Protein backbone atom coordinates (compact mmCIF):
# COMPACT_ATOMS: atom_id res chain seq x y z
CA UNK A 1 75.77 82.09 52.20
CA UNK A 2 77.37 85.56 52.37
CA UNK A 3 78.95 86.25 55.78
CA UNK A 4 80.19 89.17 57.78
CA UNK A 5 83.79 88.22 58.64
CA UNK A 6 86.29 89.99 60.85
CA UNK A 7 89.67 89.58 59.21
CA UNK A 8 93.26 90.75 59.36
CA UNK A 9 96.17 90.79 56.96
CA UNK A 10 98.51 87.82 57.18
CA UNK A 11 102.29 88.31 56.77
CA UNK A 12 101.85 88.25 52.94
CA UNK A 13 99.08 90.85 52.96
CA UNK A 14 96.26 88.37 52.25
CA UNK A 15 93.08 88.61 54.35
CA UNK A 16 92.58 85.82 56.89
CA UNK A 17 89.50 85.30 59.06
CA UNK A 18 89.53 86.03 62.78
CA UNK A 19 85.79 85.67 63.53
CA UNK A 20 82.48 85.61 61.68
CA UNK A 21 78.77 86.02 62.30
CA UNK A 22 76.53 83.03 61.68
CA UNK A 23 73.05 84.40 62.17
CA UNK A 24 73.23 86.22 65.50
CA UNK A 25 76.15 84.11 66.77
CA UNK A 26 79.72 85.39 66.67
CA UNK A 27 82.14 82.51 66.12
CA UNK A 28 85.83 83.13 66.71
CA UNK A 29 88.32 81.28 64.54
CA UNK A 30 90.17 79.01 66.97
CA UNK A 31 92.52 77.57 64.31
CA UNK A 32 93.11 77.91 60.61
CA UNK A 33 93.43 74.22 59.70
CA UNK A 34 94.29 74.74 56.03
CA UNK A 35 94.21 77.39 53.32
CA UNK A 36 94.18 77.53 49.54
CA UNK A 37 95.04 80.87 48.02
CA UNK A 38 94.41 81.40 44.32
CA UNK A 39 94.20 84.48 42.11
CA UNK A 40 90.40 84.77 42.23
CA UNK A 41 89.53 83.35 45.66
CA UNK A 42 91.08 82.29 48.92
CA UNK A 43 89.70 79.35 50.90
CA UNK A 44 90.18 78.84 54.62
CA UNK A 45 89.32 75.65 56.47
CA UNK A 46 88.84 76.76 60.06
CA UNK A 47 87.93 75.29 63.43
CA UNK A 48 85.46 77.59 65.12
CA UNK A 49 85.36 78.38 68.82
CA UNK A 50 82.23 76.19 68.88
CA UNK A 51 84.28 73.12 67.85
CA UNK A 52 82.73 72.90 64.37
CA UNK A 53 84.59 73.02 61.05
CA UNK A 54 83.92 75.64 58.38
CA UNK A 55 85.31 76.44 54.95
CA UNK A 56 85.19 80.15 54.21
CA UNK A 57 85.83 81.60 50.76
CA UNK A 58 87.08 85.14 50.23
CA UNK A 59 86.71 86.95 46.90
CA UNK A 60 89.15 89.88 47.02
CA UNK A 61 87.69 91.63 43.94
CA UNK A 62 84.24 91.79 45.56
CA UNK A 63 85.56 91.90 49.13
CA UNK A 64 82.99 89.25 50.06
CA UNK A 65 83.20 86.21 52.30
CA UNK A 66 81.06 83.15 51.77
CA UNK A 67 80.42 80.02 53.81
CA UNK A 68 81.01 77.03 51.51
CA UNK A 69 81.05 74.17 54.03
CA UNK A 70 79.84 73.53 57.56
CA UNK A 71 80.59 70.34 59.46
CA UNK A 72 79.19 69.84 62.93
CA UNK A 73 81.21 67.76 65.33
CA UNK A 74 79.42 65.43 67.76
CA UNK A 75 79.24 66.80 71.27
């Protein structure tokens, strides 16, 4: 699923997510739990402001973000 992601440059110049739109909902990134940065893609495991976990993938060549995993936490 292609996403609209608000991002900023980290200290190394790589893009990191700050918030993203999931349908009509804006979800702020509360915490970046983990990240994997490779030549072709960067992956970010994030905890959203809604308490759920997401893995977002960024393709710098295409400048596109994609949702690759969603895990809902019991409320």
